[in-house]
Amino acid sequence: MIKSRLEGQVVVLEIEGEFLADELQSETSKWLESCKDEYVGYVVDINKMTKYLAIEQKKAEEYTKKTNSGKPRAVVGKNAATATLINIYMRFTKAEGIKHFSNHEDAKTWLLSQA
């Protein structure tokens, strides 16, 4: 399940349980369609994510490239394993505009500096 909310100029996406690209697409589409110019990027919190399949990664990145929003993504995870996961994701999908952080505040600061 993915929950989302707008915090200032940043959309926060919280992934709980299994990561599904269709859920991510649904959540990000709603923000792109309703207030694209009101936020600078996404904080993606994966601390409660339990499953992450390569095919879902690929589908999510293809959607991101297709929509061409240009919005950077700051992924928040608490340990080195999450950083490794993000690095694998970036290499596997050729993703751009993604950076890993261990807390929300640093992630938001980075996103705001990208605007």
C-alpha atoms as a PDB file:
ATOM      1  CA  MET A   1       0.000   0.000   0.000  1.00  0.00           C
ATOM      2  CA  ILE A   2       1.209   3.515  -0.789  1.00  0.00           C
ATOM      3  CA  LYS A   3      -0.003   6.574   1.077  1.00  0.00           C
ATOM      4  CA  SER A   4       0.840  10.100  -0.001  1.00  0.00           C
ATOM      5  CA  ARG A   5       0.528  13.643   1.267  1.00  0.00           C
ATOM      6  CA  LEU A   6       1.814  17.100   0.438  1.00  0.00           C
ATOM      7  CA  GLU A   7       4.187  18.629   3.006  1.00  0.00           C
ATOM      8  CA  GLY A   8       4.997  22.156   1.919  1.00  0.00           C
ATOM      9  CA  GLN A   9       6.614  21.822  -1.498  1.00  0.00           C
ATOM     10  CA  VAL A  10       7.296  18.081  -1.223  1.00  0.00           C
ATOM     11  CA  VAL A  11       5.061  15.062  -1.836  1.00  0.00           C
ATOM     12  CA  VAL A  12       5.744  12.312   0.702  1.00  0.00           C
ATOM     13  CA  LEU A  13       5.048   8.758  -0.467  1.00  0.00           C
ATOM     14  CA  GLU A  14       5.057   6.040   2.200  1.00  0.00           C
ATOM     15  CA  ILE A  15       5.293   2.461   0.971  1.00  0.00           C
ATOM     16  CA  GLU A  16       4.007  -0.228   3.333  1.00  0.00           C
ATOM     17  CA  GLY A  17       4.261  -3.917   2.473  1.00  0.00           C
ATOM     18  CA  GLU A  18       4.892  -4.979  -1.108  1.00  0.00           C
ATOM     19  CA  PHE A  19       5.987  -2.373  -3.656  1.00  0.00           C
ATOM     20  CA  LEU A  20       3.675  -2.356  -6.677  1.00  0.00           C
ATOM     21  CA  ALA A  21       4.388  -0.100  -9.638  1.00  0.00           C
ATOM     22  CA  ASP A  22       0.679   0.375 -10.397  1.00  0.00           C
ATOM     23  CA  GLU A  23       0.077   1.779  -6.913  1.00  0.00           C
ATOM     24  CA  LEU A  24       3.008   4.160  -7.306  1.00  0.00           C
ATOM     25  CA  GLN A  25       1.694   5.263 -10.685  1.00  0.00           C
ATOM     26  CA  SER A  26      -1.750   5.911  -9.235  1.00  0.00           C
ATOM     27  CA  GLU A  27      -0.399   7.987  -6.346  1.00  0.00           C
ATOM     28  CA  THR A  28       2.042  10.065  -8.411  1.00  0.00           C
ATOM     29  CA  SER A  29      -0.523  10.614 -11.191  1.00  0.00           C
ATOM     30  CA  LYS A  30      -2.913  12.193  -8.749  1.00  0.00           C
ATOM     31  CA  TRP A  31      -0.284  14.759  -7.742  1.00  0.00           C
ATOM     32  CA  LEU A  32       0.912  15.393 -11.302  1.00  0.00           C
ATOM     33  CA  GLU A  33      -2.656  15.979 -12.477  1.00  0.00           C
ATOM     34  CA  SER A  34      -3.833  18.134  -9.581  1.00  0.00           C
ATOM     35  CA  CYS A  35      -0.882  20.311  -8.569  1.00  0.00           C
ATOM     36  CA  LYS A  36       2.238  19.609 -10.641  1.00  0.00           C
ATOM     37  CA  ASP A  37       3.620  23.127 -10.196  1.00  0.00           C
ATOM     38  CA  GLU A  38       3.073  23.235  -6.422  1.00  0.00           C
ATOM     39  CA  TYR A  39       5.751  20.722  -5.415  1.00  0.00           C
ATOM     40  CA  VAL A  40       9.403  20.194  -6.279  1.00  0.00           C
ATOM     41  CA  GLY A  41       9.773  16.432  -5.847  1.00  0.00           C
ATOM     42  CA  TYR A  42       9.057  13.294  -3.867  1.00  0.00           C
ATOM     43  CA  VAL A  43      10.281  11.843  -0.596  1.00  0.00           C
ATOM     44  CA  VAL A  44       9.753   8.087  -0.931  1.00  0.00           C
ATOM     45  CA  ASP A  45       9.813   6.400   2.475  1.00  0.00           C
ATOM     46  CA  ILE A  46      10.609   2.695   2.097  1.00  0.00           C
ATOM     47  CA  ASN A  47      11.165   1.903   5.775  1.00  0.00           C
ATOM     48  CA  LYS A  48       7.992  -0.224   5.944  1.00  0.00           C
ATOM     49  CA  MET A  49       8.391  -1.847   2.525  1.00  0.00           C
ATOM     50  CA  THR A  50       8.638  -5.642   2.738  1.00  0.00           C
ATOM     51  CA  LYS A  51       8.922  -6.815  -0.877  1.00  0.00           C
ATOM     52  CA  TYR A  52      10.434  -5.227  -3.972  1.00  0.00           C
ATOM     53  CA  LEU A  53      10.539  -7.204  -7.234  1.00  0.00           C
ATOM     54  CA  ALA A  54      12.803  -6.243 -10.153  1.00  0.00           C
ATOM     55  CA  ILE A  55       9.903  -6.304 -12.629  1.00  0.00           C
ATOM     56  CA  GLU A  56       8.017  -3.794 -10.465  1.00  0.00           C
ATOM     57  CA  GLN A  57      11.120  -1.573 -10.333  1.00  0.00           C
ATOM     58  CA  LYS A  58      11.359  -1.603 -14.116  1.00  0.00           C
ATOM     59  CA  LYS A  59       7.653  -0.813 -14.563  1.00  0.00           C
ATOM     60  CA  ALA A  60       7.868   2.085 -12.116  1.00  0.00           C
ATOM     61  CA  GLU A  61      10.885   3.635 -13.810  1.00  0.00           C
ATOM     62  CA  GLU A  62       9.343   3.232 -17.277  1.00  0.00           C
ATOM     63  CA  TYR A  63       6.288   5.131 -16.027  1.00  0.00           C
ATOM     64  CA  THR A  64       8.511   7.844 -14.541  1.00  0.00           C
ATOM     65  CA  LYS A  65      10.348   8.286 -17.832  1.00  0.00           C
ATOM     66  CA  LYS A  66       7.076   8.249 -19.782  1.00  0.00           C
ATOM     67  CA  THR A  67       5.496  11.013 -17.705  1.00  0.00           C
ATOM     68  CA  ASN A  68       8.726  13.038 -17.845  1.00  0.00           C
ATOM     69  CA  SER A  69       7.776  15.048 -14.768  1.00  0.00           C
ATOM     70  CA  GLY A  70      11.381  16.019 -14.073  1.00  0.00           C
ATOM     71  CA  LYS A  71      10.674  15.706 -10.345  1.00  0.00           C
ATOM     72  CA  PRO A  72      13.612  14.404  -8.275  1.00  0.00           C
ATOM     73  CA  ARG A  73      13.096  11.572  -5.778  1.00  0.00           C
ATOM     74  CA  ALA A  74      14.685  11.317  -2.361  1.00  0.00           C
ATOM     75  CA  VAL A  75      14.384   7.781  -1.018  1.00  0.00           C
ATOM     76  CA  VAL A  76      14.424   7.417   2.763  1.00  0.00           C
ATOM     77  CA  GLY A  77      15.624   4.198   4.323  1.00  0.00           C
ATOM     78  CA  LYS A  78      17.358   3.617   7.647  1.00  0.00           C
ATOM     79  CA  ASN A  79      20.288   1.359   6.837  1.00  0.00           C
ATOM     80  CA  ALA A  80      23.084   0.516   4.421  1.00  0.00           C
ATOM     81  CA  ALA A  81      20.979  -2.259   2.897  1.00  0.00           C
ATOM     82  CA  THR A  82      18.466   0.308   1.677  1.00  0.00           C
ATOM     83  CA  ALA A  83      21.236   2.418   0.169  1.00  0.00           C
ATOM     84  CA  THR A  84      22.475  -0.686  -1.651  1.00  0.00           C
ATOM     85  CA  LEU A  85      18.939  -1.417  -2.843  1.00  0.00           C
ATOM     86  CA  ILE A  86      18.650   2.106  -4.270  1.00  0.00           C
ATOM     87  CA  ASN A  87      22.008   1.808  -6.031  1.00  0.00           C
ATOM     88  CA  ILE A  88      20.920  -1.484  -7.610  1.00  0.00           C
ATOM     89  CA  TYR A  89      17.632   0.116  -8.643  1.00  0.00           C
ATOM     90  CA  MET A  90      19.423   3.038 -10.283  1.00  0.00           C
ATOM     91  CA  ARG A  91      21.770   0.746 -12.229  1.00  0.00           C
ATOM     92  CA  PHE A  92      19.050  -1.730 -13.206  1.00  0.00           C
ATOM     93  CA  THR A  93      16.550   0.875 -14.418  1.00  0.00           C
ATOM     94  CA  LYS A  94      19.004   3.612 -15.483  1.00  0.00           C
ATOM     95  CA  ALA A  95      17.078   5.958 -13.194  1.00  0.00           C
ATOM     96  CA  GLU A  96      18.143   9.576 -12.763  1.00  0.00           C
ATOM     97  CA  GLY A  97      17.272  12.173 -10.141  1.00  0.00           C
ATOM     98  CA  ILE A  98      17.278   9.763  -7.196  1.00  0.00           C
ATOM     99  CA  LYS A  99      19.274   9.988  -3.990  1.00  0.00           C
ATOM    100  CA  HIS A 100      19.178   7.931  -0.778  1.00  0.00           C
ATOM    101  CA  PHE A 101      18.829   9.485   2.696  1.00  0.00           C
ATOM    102  CA  SER A 102      18.502   8.084   6.186  1.00  0.00           C
ATOM    103  CA  ASN A 103      16.010  10.730   7.368  1.00  0.00           C
ATOM    104  CA  HIS A 104      13.195  12.914   6.049  1.00  0.00           C
ATOM    105  CA  GLU A 105      14.730  16.287   6.897  1.00  0.00           C
ATOM    106  CA  ASP A 106      17.903  15.729   4.847  1.00  0.00           C
ATOM    107  CA  ALA A 107      15.772  14.353   2.015  1.00  0.00           C
ATOM    108  CA  LYS A 108      13.516  17.432   2.003  1.00  0.00           C
ATOM    109  CA  THR A 109      16.486  19.798   2.162  1.00  0.00           C
ATOM    110  CA  TRP A 110      18.048  18.111  -0.875  1.00  0.00           C
ATOM    111  CA  LEU A 111      14.774  18.211  -2.835  1.00  0.00           C
ATOM    112  CA  LEU A 112      14.280  21.897  -2.125  1.00  0.00           C
ATOM    113  CA  SER A 113      17.831  22.598  -3.290  1.00  0.00           C
ATOM    114  CA  GLN A 114      17.020  20.908  -6.630  1.00  0.00           C
ATOM    115  CA  ALA A 115      14.206  23.366  -7.407  1.00  0.00           C
END
